[in-house]
Amino acid sequence: MIEVALSVILKAKPGKEKDVADFLRSARSVVEQEPGTRAWFALQFDESTFGVFDVFPDDEARQTHLSGGVGQALAAQGAELFSAEPNIQNIDVLAYKLPGDGG
């Protein structure tokens, strides 16, 4: 089951766009170690706007992800990479479809 999600919007500082993209690409290896993170997407909306969308079976898994390695790295590197605080939205999932899943 997938019940909850996160949407995170990140605004790169001017000149830091490549660093943000590289940071998000490297975060995949951390997220792969989180069994409660059922799907995870790193996104780029325009030159300086990036995002993350991920889904979880419950709020406990979502909170574990937020306090995990990627969340810690975001906090540690945030002042260097981002022009504003990440915009983090908790989302309830109404319906979904994943490969091999009838959800």
PDB file of N, CA and C in Angstrom:
ATOM      1  N   MET A   1       0.829  -1.188   0.000  1.00  0.00           N
ATOM      2  CA  MET A   1       0.000   0.000   0.000  1.00  0.00           C
ATOM      3  C   MET A   1       0.878   1.259   0.000  1.00  0.00           C
ATOM      4  N   ILE A   2       0.361   2.255  -0.658  1.00  0.00           N
ATOM      5  CA  ILE A   2       0.960   3.592  -0.639  1.00  0.00           C
ATOM      6  C   ILE A   2      -0.113   4.524  -0.078  1.00  0.00           C
ATOM      7  N   GLU A   3       0.179   5.167   1.029  1.00  0.00           N
ATOM      8  CA  GLU A   3      -0.817   6.045   1.635  1.00  0.00           C
ATOM      9  C   GLU A   3      -0.410   7.504   1.684  1.00  0.00           C
ATOM     10  N   VAL A   4       0.901   7.783   1.740  1.00  0.00           N
ATOM     11  CA  VAL A   4       1.362   9.157   1.883  1.00  0.00           C
ATOM     12  C   VAL A   4       2.535   9.436   0.949  1.00  0.00           C
ATOM     13  N   ALA A   5       2.791  10.729   0.738  1.00  0.00           N
ATOM     14  CA  ALA A   5       3.873  11.154  -0.150  1.00  0.00           C
ATOM     15  C   ALA A   5       4.496  12.438   0.370  1.00  0.00           C
ATOM     16  N   LEU A   6       5.577  12.815  -0.260  1.00  0.00           N
ATOM     17  CA  LEU A   6       6.237  14.095  -0.014  1.00  0.00           C
ATOM     18  C   LEU A   6       6.483  14.775  -1.346  1.00  0.00           C
ATOM     19  N   SER A   7       6.289  16.069  -1.355  1.00  0.00           N
ATOM     20  CA  SER A   7       6.692  16.901  -2.480  1.00  0.00           C
ATOM     21  C   SER A   7       7.642  17.953  -1.919  1.00  0.00           C
ATOM     22  N   VAL A   8       8.829  18.024  -2.492  1.00  0.00           N
ATOM     23  CA  VAL A   8       9.835  18.977  -2.032  1.00  0.00           C
ATOM     24  C   VAL A   8      10.276  19.810  -3.229  1.00  0.00           C
ATOM     25  N   ILE A   9      10.139  21.119  -3.119  1.00  0.00           N
ATOM     26  CA  ILE A   9      10.589  22.032  -4.168  1.00  0.00           C
ATOM     27  C   ILE A   9      11.852  22.734  -3.671  1.00  0.00           C
ATOM     28  N   LEU A  10      12.874  22.735  -4.515  1.00  0.00           N
ATOM     29  CA  LEU A  10      14.175  23.302  -4.184  1.00  0.00           C
ATOM     30  C   LEU A  10      14.552  24.357  -5.216  1.00  0.00           C
ATOM     31  N   LYS A  11      14.978  25.507  -4.759  1.00  0.00           N
ATOM     32  CA  LYS A  11      15.432  26.582  -5.647  1.00  0.00           C
ATOM     33  C   LYS A  11      16.946  26.717  -5.510  1.00  0.00           C
ATOM     34  N   ALA A  12      17.669  26.431  -6.588  1.00  0.00           N
ATOM     35  CA  ALA A  12      19.132  26.509  -6.576  1.00  0.00           C
ATOM     36  C   ALA A  12      19.595  27.962  -6.563  1.00  0.00           C
ATOM     37  N   LYS A  13      20.673  28.208  -5.844  1.00  0.00           N
ATOM     38  CA  LYS A  13      21.323  29.517  -5.915  1.00  0.00           C
ATOM     39  C   LYS A  13      21.887  29.697  -7.321  1.00  0.00           C
ATOM     40  N   PRO A  14      21.957  30.930  -7.809  1.00  0.00           N
ATOM     41  CA  PRO A  14      22.568  31.154  -9.125  1.00  0.00           C
ATOM     42  C   PRO A  14      23.980  30.567  -9.169  1.00  0.00           C
ATOM     43  N   GLY A  15      24.257  29.815 -10.228  1.00  0.00           N
ATOM     44  CA  GLY A  15      25.553  29.188 -10.391  1.00  0.00           C
ATOM     45  C   GLY A  15      25.679  27.831  -9.713  1.00  0.00           C
ATOM     46  N   LYS A  16      24.672  27.423  -8.932  1.00  0.00           N
ATOM     47  CA  LYS A  16      24.721  26.152  -8.205  1.00  0.00           C
ATOM     48  C   LYS A  16      23.802  25.090  -8.814  1.00  0.00           C
ATOM     49  N   GLU A  17      23.233  25.374  -9.977  1.00  0.00           N
ATOM     50  CA  GLU A  17      22.272  24.454 -10.582  1.00  0.00           C
ATOM     51  C   GLU A  17      22.864  23.066 -10.825  1.00  0.00           C
ATOM     52  N   LYS A  18      24.077  23.005 -11.375  1.00  0.00           N
ATOM     53  CA  LYS A  18      24.713  21.707 -11.630  1.00  0.00           C
ATOM     54  C   LYS A  18      24.981  20.976 -10.324  1.00  0.00           C
ATOM     55  N   ASP A  19      25.384  21.709  -9.292  1.00  0.00           N
ATOM     56  CA  ASP A  19      25.647  21.088  -7.997  1.00  0.00           C
ATOM     57  C   ASP A  19      24.370  20.486  -7.403  1.00  0.00           C
ATOM     58  N   VAL A  20      23.248  21.186  -7.553  1.00  0.00           N
ATOM     59  CA  VAL A  20      21.978  20.660  -7.048  1.00  0.00           C
ATOM     60  C   VAL A  20      21.596  19.398  -7.822  1.00  0.00           C
ATOM     61  N   ALA A  21      21.726  19.436  -9.151  1.00  0.00           N
ATOM     62  CA  ALA A  21      21.411  18.256  -9.957  1.00  0.00           C
ATOM     63  C   ALA A  21      22.300  17.081  -9.561  1.00  0.00           C
ATOM     64  N   ASP A  22      23.577  17.323  -9.369  1.00  0.00           N
ATOM     65  CA  ASP A  22      24.494  16.257  -8.954  1.00  0.00           C
ATOM     66  C   ASP A  22      24.137  15.726  -7.566  1.00  0.00           C
ATOM     67  N   PHE A  23      23.771  16.633  -6.651  1.00  0.00           N
ATOM     68  CA  PHE A  23      23.362  16.231  -5.307  1.00  0.00           C
ATOM     69  C   PHE A  23      22.147  15.298  -5.378  1.00  0.00           C
ATOM     70  N   LEU A  24      21.154  15.675  -6.169  1.00  0.00           N
ATOM     71  CA  LEU A  24      19.951  14.853  -6.272  1.00  0.00           C
ATOM     72  C   LEU A  24      20.254  13.498  -6.913  1.00  0.00           C
ATOM     73  N   ARG A  25      21.083  13.490  -7.938  1.00  0.00           N
ATOM     74  CA  ARG A  25      21.452  12.203  -8.552  1.00  0.00           C
ATOM     75  C   ARG A  25      22.155  11.297  -7.539  1.00  0.00           C
ATOM     76  N   SER A  26      23.032  11.864  -6.744  1.00  0.00           N
ATOM     77  CA  SER A  26      23.777  11.062  -5.772  1.00  0.00           C
ATOM     78  C   SER A  26      22.886  10.594  -4.622  1.00  0.00           C
ATOM     79  N   ALA A  27      21.785  11.282  -4.366  1.00  0.00           N
ATOM     80  CA  ALA A  27      20.879  10.900  -3.276  1.00  0.00           C
ATOM     81  C   ALA A  27      20.199   9.566  -3.543  1.00  0.00           C
ATOM     82  N   ARG A  28      20.131   9.163  -4.791  1.00  0.00           N
ATOM     83  CA  ARG A  28      19.463   7.907  -5.130  1.00  0.00           C
ATOM     84  C   ARG A  28      20.062   6.728  -4.355  1.00  0.00           C
ATOM     85  N   SER A  29      21.371   6.674  -4.243  1.00  0.00           N
ATOM     86  CA  SER A  29      22.001   5.547  -3.553  1.00  0.00           C
ATOM     87  C   SER A  29      21.609   5.498  -2.077  1.00  0.00           C
ATOM     88  N   VAL A  30      21.368   6.642  -1.472  1.00  0.00           N
ATOM     89  CA  VAL A  30      20.918   6.691  -0.079  1.00  0.00           C
ATOM     90  C   VAL A  30      19.482   6.196   0.014  1.00  0.00           C
ATOM     91  N   VAL A  31      18.625   6.687  -0.864  1.00  0.00           N
ATOM     92  CA  VAL A  31      17.207   6.330  -0.839  1.00  0.00           C
ATOM     93  C   VAL A  31      17.011   4.845  -1.127  1.00  0.00           C
ATOM     94  N   GLU A  32      17.868   4.259  -1.941  1.00  0.00           N
ATOM     95  CA  GLU A  32      17.763   2.828  -2.238  1.00  0.00           C
ATOM     96  C   GLU A  32      17.911   1.970  -0.984  1.00  0.00           C
ATOM     97  N   GLN A  33      18.505   2.506   0.060  1.00  0.00           N
ATOM     98  CA  GLN A  33      18.684   1.773   1.319  1.00  0.00           C
ATOM     99  C   GLN A  33      17.477   1.916   2.257  1.00  0.00           C
ATOM    100  N   GLU A  34      16.449   2.628   1.842  1.00  0.00           N
ATOM    101  CA  GLU A  34      15.267   2.877   2.672  1.00  0.00           C
ATOM    102  C   GLU A  34      14.109   1.999   2.200  1.00  0.00           C
ATOM    103  N   PRO A  35      13.840   0.889   2.874  1.00  0.00           N
ATOM    104  CA  PRO A  35      12.761   0.009   2.415  1.00  0.00           C
ATOM    105  C   PRO A  35      11.388   0.664   2.441  1.00  0.00           C
ATOM    106  N   GLY A  36      11.186   1.658   3.282  1.00  0.00           N
ATOM    107  CA  GLY A  36       9.885   2.321   3.364  1.00  0.00           C
ATOM    108  C   GLY A  36       9.640   3.342   2.275  1.00  0.00           C
ATOM    109  N   THR A  37      10.683   3.728   1.550  1.00  0.00           N
ATOM    110  CA  THR A  37      10.503   4.651   0.429  1.00  0.00           C
ATOM    111  C   THR A  37      10.201   3.795  -0.794  1.00  0.00           C
ATOM    112  N   ARG A  38       8.920   3.768  -1.193  1.00  0.00           N
ATOM    113  CA  ARG A  38       8.480   2.842  -2.236  1.00  0.00           C
ATOM    114  C   ARG A  38       8.784   3.339  -3.637  1.00  0.00           C
ATOM    115  N   ALA A  39       8.742   4.638  -3.841  1.00  0.00           N
ATOM    116  CA  ALA A  39       9.129   5.242  -5.131  1.00  0.00           C
ATOM    117  C   ALA A  39       9.707   6.614  -4.821  1.00  0.00           C
ATOM    118  N   TRP A  40      10.723   7.008  -5.594  1.00  0.00           N
ATOM    119  CA  TRP A  40      11.419   8.273  -5.357  1.00  0.00           C
ATOM    120  C   TRP A  40      11.814   8.852  -6.700  1.00  0.00           C
ATOM    121  N   PHE A  41      11.526  10.130  -6.883  1.00  0.00           N
ATOM    122  CA  PHE A  41      11.838  10.818  -8.138  1.00  0.00           C
ATOM    123  C   PHE A  41      12.542  12.125  -7.828  1.00  0.00           C
ATOM    124  N   ALA A  42      13.683  12.370  -8.456  1.00  0.00           N
ATOM    125  CA  ALA A  42      14.355  13.663  -8.418  1.00  0.00           C
ATOM    126  C   ALA A  42      14.020  14.359  -9.729  1.00  0.00           C
ATOM    127  N   LEU A  43      13.595  15.610  -9.652  1.00  0.00           N
ATOM    128  CA  LEU A  43      13.037  16.323 -10.802  1.00  0.00           C
ATOM    129  C   LEU A  43      13.734  17.653 -11.029  1.00  0.00           C
ATOM    130  N   GLN A  44      13.704  18.120 -12.279  1.00  0.00           N
ATOM    131  CA  GLN A  44      14.143  19.477 -12.594  1.00  0.00           C
ATOM    132  C   GLN A  44      13.044  20.127 -13.417  1.00  0.00           C
ATOM    133  N   PHE A  45      12.458  21.205 -12.876  1.00  0.00           N
ATOM    134  CA  PHE A  45      11.334  21.889 -13.515  1.00  0.00           C
ATOM    135  C   PHE A  45      11.788  22.962 -14.496  1.00  0.00           C
ATOM    136  N   ASP A  46      12.814  23.697 -14.130  1.00  0.00           N
ATOM    137  CA  ASP A  46      13.406  24.700 -15.017  1.00  0.00           C
ATOM    138  C   ASP A  46      14.865  24.842 -14.604  1.00  0.00           C
ATOM    139  N   GLU A  47      15.543  25.842 -15.116  1.00  0.00           N
ATOM    140  CA  GLU A  47      16.989  25.953 -14.894  1.00  0.00           C
ATOM    141  C   GLU A  47      17.374  25.916 -13.417  1.00  0.00           C
ATOM    142  N   SER A  48      16.576  26.547 -12.549  1.00  0.00           N
ATOM    143  CA  SER A  48      16.974  26.643 -11.140  1.00  0.00           C
ATOM    144  C   SER A  48      15.992  25.999 -10.166  1.00  0.00           C
ATOM    145  N   THR A  49      14.902  25.423 -10.658  1.00  0.00           N
ATOM    146  CA  THR A  49      13.901  24.828  -9.774  1.00  0.00           C
ATOM    147  C   THR A  49      13.947  23.310  -9.893  1.00  0.00           C
ATOM    148  N   PHE A  50      14.168  22.670  -8.756  1.00  0.00           N
ATOM    149  CA  PHE A  50      14.286  21.225  -8.678  1.00  0.00           C
ATOM    150  C   PHE A  50      13.247  20.703  -7.699  1.00  0.00           C
ATOM    151  N   GLY A  51      13.063  19.402  -7.700  1.00  0.00           N
ATOM    152  CA  GLY A  51      12.115  18.835  -6.760  1.00  0.00           C
ATOM    153  C   GLY A  51      12.386  17.375  -6.504  1.00  0.00           C
ATOM    154  N   VAL A  52      11.703  16.893  -5.477  1.00  0.00           N
ATOM    155  CA  VAL A  52      11.707  15.478  -5.140  1.00  0.00           C
ATOM    156  C   VAL A  52      10.260  15.095  -4.874  1.00  0.00           C
ATOM    157  N   PHE A  53       9.849  13.958  -5.406  1.00  0.00           N
ATOM    158  CA  PHE A  53       8.543  13.397  -5.105  1.00  0.00           C
ATOM    159  C   PHE A  53       8.767  11.946  -4.712  1.00  0.00           C
ATOM    160  N   ASP A  54       8.279  11.572  -3.539  1.00  0.00           N
ATOM    161  CA  ASP A  54       8.437  10.206  -3.092  1.00  0.00           C
ATOM    162  C   ASP A  54       7.195   9.740  -2.356  1.00  0.00           C
ATOM    163  N   VAL A  55       7.015   8.417  -2.336  1.00  0.00           N
ATOM    164  CA  VAL A  55       5.805   7.843  -1.752  1.00  0.00           C
ATOM    165  C   VAL A  55       6.171   6.770  -0.729  1.00  0.00           C
ATOM    166  N   PHE A  56       5.245   6.589   0.241  1.00  0.00           N
ATOM    167  CA  PHE A  56       5.493   5.736   1.390  1.00  0.00           C
ATOM    168  C   PHE A  56       4.223   4.998   1.786  1.00  0.00           C
ATOM    169  N   PRO A  57       4.373   3.863   2.478  1.00  0.00           N
ATOM    170  CA  PRO A  57       3.196   3.122   2.912  1.00  0.00           C
ATOM    171  C   PRO A  57       2.468   3.782   4.084  1.00  0.00           C
ATOM    172  N   ASP A  58       3.182   4.586   4.869  1.00  0.00           N
ATOM    173  CA  ASP A  58       2.566   5.206   6.045  1.00  0.00           C
ATOM    174  C   ASP A  58       3.425   6.391   6.493  1.00  0.00           C
ATOM    175  N   ASP A  59       2.893   7.124   7.482  1.00  0.00           N
ATOM    176  CA  ASP A  59       3.595   8.313   7.954  1.00  0.00           C
ATOM    177  C   ASP A  59       4.900   7.957   8.658  1.00  0.00           C
ATOM    178  N   GLU A  60       4.963   6.810   9.306  1.00  0.00           N
ATOM    179  CA  GLU A  60       6.205   6.404   9.972  1.00  0.00           C
ATOM    180  C   GLU A  60       7.350   6.288   8.966  1.00  0.00           C
ATOM    181  N   ALA A  61       7.088   5.660   7.818  1.00  0.00           N
ATOM    182  CA  ALA A  61       8.115   5.543   6.778  1.00  0.00           C
ATOM    183  C   ALA A  61       8.491   6.912   6.225  1.00  0.00           C
ATOM    184  N   ARG A  62       7.507   7.789   6.082  1.00  0.00           N
ATOM    185  CA  ARG A  62       7.778   9.147   5.595  1.00  0.00           C
ATOM    186  C   ARG A  62       8.676   9.889   6.578  1.00  0.00           C
ATOM    187  N   GLN A  63       8.390   9.791   7.868  1.00  0.00           N
ATOM    188  CA  GLN A  63       9.200  10.473   8.879  1.00  0.00           C
ATOM    189  C   GLN A  63      10.613   9.890   8.946  1.00  0.00           C
ATOM    190  N   THR A  64      10.722   8.576   8.778  1.00  0.00           N
ATOM    191  CA  THR A  64      12.044   7.936   8.744  1.00  0.00           C
ATOM    192  C   THR A  64      12.856   8.490   7.585  1.00  0.00           C
ATOM    193  N   HIS A  65      12.218   8.652   6.427  1.00  0.00           N
ATOM    194  CA  HIS A  65      12.909   9.212   5.268  1.00  0.00           C
ATOM    195  C   HIS A  65      13.353  10.650   5.542  1.00  0.00           C
ATOM    196  N   LEU A  66      12.465  11.461   6.105  1.00  0.00           N
ATOM    197  CA  LEU A  66      12.798  12.863   6.367  1.00  0.00           C
ATOM    198  C   LEU A  66      13.983  13.012   7.324  1.00  0.00           C
ATOM    199  N   SER A  67      14.105  12.106   8.266  1.00  0.00           N
ATOM    200  CA  SER A  67      15.201  12.196   9.227  1.00  0.00           C
ATOM    201  C   SER A  67      16.428  11.387   8.789  1.00  0.00           C
ATOM    202  N   GLY A  68      16.360  10.768   7.610  1.00  0.00           N
ATOM    203  CA  GLY A  68      17.447   9.929   7.109  1.00  0.00           C
ATOM    204  C   GLY A  68      18.549  10.706   6.419  1.00  0.00           C
ATOM    205  N   GLY A  69      19.340   9.993   5.660  1.00  0.00           N
ATOM    206  CA  GLY A  69      20.545  10.536   5.045  1.00  0.00           C
ATOM    207  C   GLY A  69      20.319  11.698   4.102  1.00  0.00           C
ATOM    208  N   VAL A  70      19.283  11.629   3.262  1.00  0.00           N
ATOM    209  CA  VAL A  70      19.044  12.716   2.311  1.00  0.00           C
ATOM    210  C   VAL A  70      18.591  13.971   3.046  1.00  0.00           C
ATOM    211  N   GLY A  71      17.712  13.807   4.022  1.00  0.00           N
ATOM    212  CA  GLY A  71      17.260  14.956   4.810  1.00  0.00           C
ATOM    213  C   GLY A  71      18.405  15.620   5.543  1.00  0.00           C
ATOM    214  N   GLN A  72      19.288  14.810   6.113  1.00  0.00           N
ATOM    215  CA  GLN A  72      20.455  15.355   6.812  1.00  0.00           C
ATOM    216  C   GLN A  72      21.385  16.090   5.847  1.00  0.00           C
ATOM    217  N   ALA A  73      21.571  15.520   4.657  1.00  0.00           N
ATOM    218  CA  ALA A  73      22.441  16.163   3.668  1.00  0.00           C
ATOM    219  C   ALA A  73      21.828  17.472   3.173  1.00  0.00           C
ATOM    220  N   LEU A  74      20.496  17.481   2.992  1.00  0.00           N
ATOM    221  CA  LEU A  74      19.830  18.724   2.592  1.00  0.00           C
ATOM    222  C   LEU A  74      20.056  19.816   3.643  1.00  0.00           C
ATOM    223  N   ALA A  75      19.914  19.446   4.903  1.00  0.00           N
ATOM    224  CA  ALA A  75      20.115  20.414   5.980  1.00  0.00           C
ATOM    225  C   ALA A  75      21.561  20.900   6.013  1.00  0.00           C
ATOM    226  N   ALA A  76      22.506  19.987   5.822  1.00  0.00           N
ATOM    227  CA  ALA A  76      23.927  20.337   5.902  1.00  0.00           C
ATOM    228  C   ALA A  76      24.375  21.214   4.741  1.00  0.00           C
ATOM    229  N   GLN A  77      23.855  20.967   3.535  1.00  0.00           N
ATOM    230  CA  GLN A  77      24.305  21.681   2.345  1.00  0.00           C
ATOM    231  C   GLN A  77      23.337  22.774   1.897  1.00  0.00           C
ATOM    232  N   GLY A  78      22.225  22.907   2.598  1.00  0.00           N
ATOM    233  CA  GLY A  78      21.181  23.830   2.165  1.00  0.00           C
ATOM    234  C   GLY A  78      21.644  25.257   1.955  1.00  0.00           C
ATOM    235  N   ALA A  79      22.385  25.803   2.902  1.00  0.00           N
ATOM    236  CA  ALA A  79      22.816  27.200   2.797  1.00  0.00           C
ATOM    237  C   ALA A  79      23.735  27.416   1.603  1.00  0.00           C
ATOM    238  N   GLU A  80      24.496  26.388   1.248  1.00  0.00           N
ATOM    239  CA  GLU A  80      25.430  26.492   0.128  1.00  0.00           C
ATOM    240  C   GLU A  80      24.728  26.369  -1.224  1.00  0.00           C
ATOM    241  N   LEU A  81      23.705  25.494  -1.308  1.00  0.00           N
ATOM    242  CA  LEU A  81      23.100  25.160  -2.596  1.00  0.00           C
ATOM    243  C   LEU A  81      21.811  25.899  -2.930  1.00  0.00           C
ATOM    244  N   PHE A  82      21.022  26.261  -1.913  1.00  0.00           N
ATOM    245  CA  PHE A  82      19.659  26.722  -2.171  1.00  0.00           C
ATOM    246  C   PHE A  82      19.463  28.187  -1.814  1.00  0.00           C
ATOM    247  N   SER A  83      18.640  28.865  -2.626  1.00  0.00           N
ATOM    248  CA  SER A  83      18.367  30.283  -2.392  1.00  0.00           C
ATOM    249  C   SER A  83      17.227  30.497  -1.409  1.00  0.00           C
ATOM    250  N   ALA A  84      16.511  29.420  -1.060  1.00  0.00           N
ATOM    251  CA  ALA A  84      15.415  29.488  -0.096  1.00  0.00           C
ATOM    252  C   ALA A  84      15.317  28.149   0.607  1.00  0.00           C
ATOM    253  N   GLU A  85      14.624  28.133   1.729  1.00  0.00           N
ATOM    254  CA  GLU A  85      14.372  26.875   2.435  1.00  0.00           C
ATOM    255  C   GLU A  85      13.577  25.950   1.521  1.00  0.00           C
ATOM    256  N   PRO A  86      13.862  24.644   1.558  1.00  0.00           N
ATOM    257  CA  PRO A  86      13.049  23.712   0.766  1.00  0.00           C
ATOM    258  C   PRO A  86      11.570  23.824   1.146  1.00  0.00           C
ATOM    259  N   ASN A  87      10.714  23.780   0.153  1.00  0.00           N
ATOM    260  CA  ASN A  87       9.265  23.802   0.375  1.00  0.00           C
ATOM    261  C   ASN A  87       8.807  22.349   0.440  1.00  0.00           C
ATOM    262  N   ILE A  88       8.536  21.860   1.650  1.00  0.00           N
ATOM    263  CA  ILE A  88       8.179  20.460   1.867  1.00  0.00           C
ATOM    264  C   ILE A  88       6.693  20.358   2.155  1.00  0.00           C
ATOM    265  N   GLN A  89       6.003  19.553   1.341  1.00  0.00           N
ATOM    266  CA  GLN A  89       4.568  19.350   1.511  1.00  0.00           C
ATOM    267  C   GLN A  89       4.296  17.879   1.810  1.00  0.00           C
ATOM    268  N   ASN A  90       3.570  17.620   2.892  1.00  0.00           N
ATOM    269  CA  ASN A  90       3.068  16.271   3.165  1.00  0.00           C
ATOM    270  C   ASN A  90       1.797  16.081   2.346  1.00  0.00           C
ATOM    271  N   ILE A  91       1.678  14.939   1.694  1.00  0.00           N
ATOM    272  CA  ILE A  91       0.568  14.676   0.775  1.00  0.00           C
ATOM    273  C   ILE A  91      -0.064  13.344   1.140  1.00  0.00           C
ATOM    274  N   ASP A  92      -1.393  13.265   1.061  1.00  0.00           N
ATOM    275  CA  ASP A  92      -2.108  11.996   1.185  1.00  0.00           C
ATOM    276  C   ASP A  92      -2.334  11.447  -0.217  1.00  0.00           C
ATOM    277  N   VAL A  93      -2.061  10.170  -0.425  1.00  0.00           N
ATOM    278  CA  VAL A  93      -2.224   9.533  -1.727  1.00  0.00           C
ATOM    279  C   VAL A  93      -3.620   8.913  -1.784  1.00  0.00           C
ATOM    280  N   LEU A  94      -4.373   9.284  -2.809  1.00  0.00           N
ATOM    281  CA  LEU A  94      -5.727   8.760  -2.995  1.00  0.00           C
ATOM    282  C   LEU A  94      -5.746   7.498  -3.842  1.00  0.00           C
ATOM    283  N   ALA A  95      -4.905   7.445  -4.859  1.00  0.00           N
ATOM    284  CA  ALA A  95      -4.827   6.291  -5.757  1.00  0.00           C
ATOM    285  C   ALA A  95      -3.451   6.313  -6.402  1.00  0.00           C
ATOM    286  N   TYR A  96      -3.008   5.163  -6.894  1.00  0.00           N
ATOM    287  CA  TYR A  96      -1.697   5.076  -7.521  1.00  0.00           C
ATOM    288  C   TYR A  96      -1.612   3.847  -8.398  1.00  0.00           C
ATOM    289  N   LYS A  97      -0.590   3.827  -9.241  1.00  0.00           N
ATOM    290  CA  LYS A  97      -0.249   2.653 -10.033  1.00  0.00           C
ATOM    291  C   LYS A  97       1.264   2.583 -10.108  1.00  0.00           C
ATOM    292  N   LEU A  98       1.798   1.461  -9.690  1.00  0.00           N
ATOM    293  CA  LEU A  98       3.216   1.188  -9.801  1.00  0.00           C
ATOM    294  C   LEU A  98       3.392  -0.087 -10.600  1.00  0.00           C
ATOM    295  N   PRO A  99       4.542  -0.273 -11.258  1.00  0.00           N
ATOM    296  CA  PRO A  99       4.761  -1.509 -12.009  1.00  0.00           C
ATOM    297  C   PRO A  99       4.563  -2.724 -11.113  1.00  0.00           C
ATOM    298  N   GLY A 100       3.777  -3.683 -11.620  1.00  0.00           N
ATOM    299  CA  GLY A 100       3.569  -4.908 -10.869  1.00  0.00           C
ATOM    300  C   GLY A 100       2.679  -4.757  -9.662  1.00  0.00           C
ATOM    301  N   ASP A 101       1.971  -3.638  -9.568  1.00  0.00           N
ATOM    302  CA  ASP A 101       1.156  -3.364  -8.393  1.00  0.00           C
ATOM    303  C   ASP A 101      -0.241  -2.972  -8.823  1.00  0.00           C
ATOM    304  N   GLY A 102      -1.219  -3.486  -8.197  1.00  0.00           N
ATOM    305  CA  GLY A 102      -2.600  -3.165  -8.544  1.00  0.00           C
ATOM    306  C   GLY A 102      -3.164  -1.994  -7.776  1.00  0.00           C
ATOM    307  N   GLY A 103      -2.311  -1.244  -7.013  1.00  0.00           N
ATOM    308  CA  GLY A 103      -2.781  -0.147  -6.171  1.00  0.00           C
ATOM    309  C   GLY A 103      -3.591   0.820  -6.902  1.00  0.00           C
TER     310      GLY A 103
END
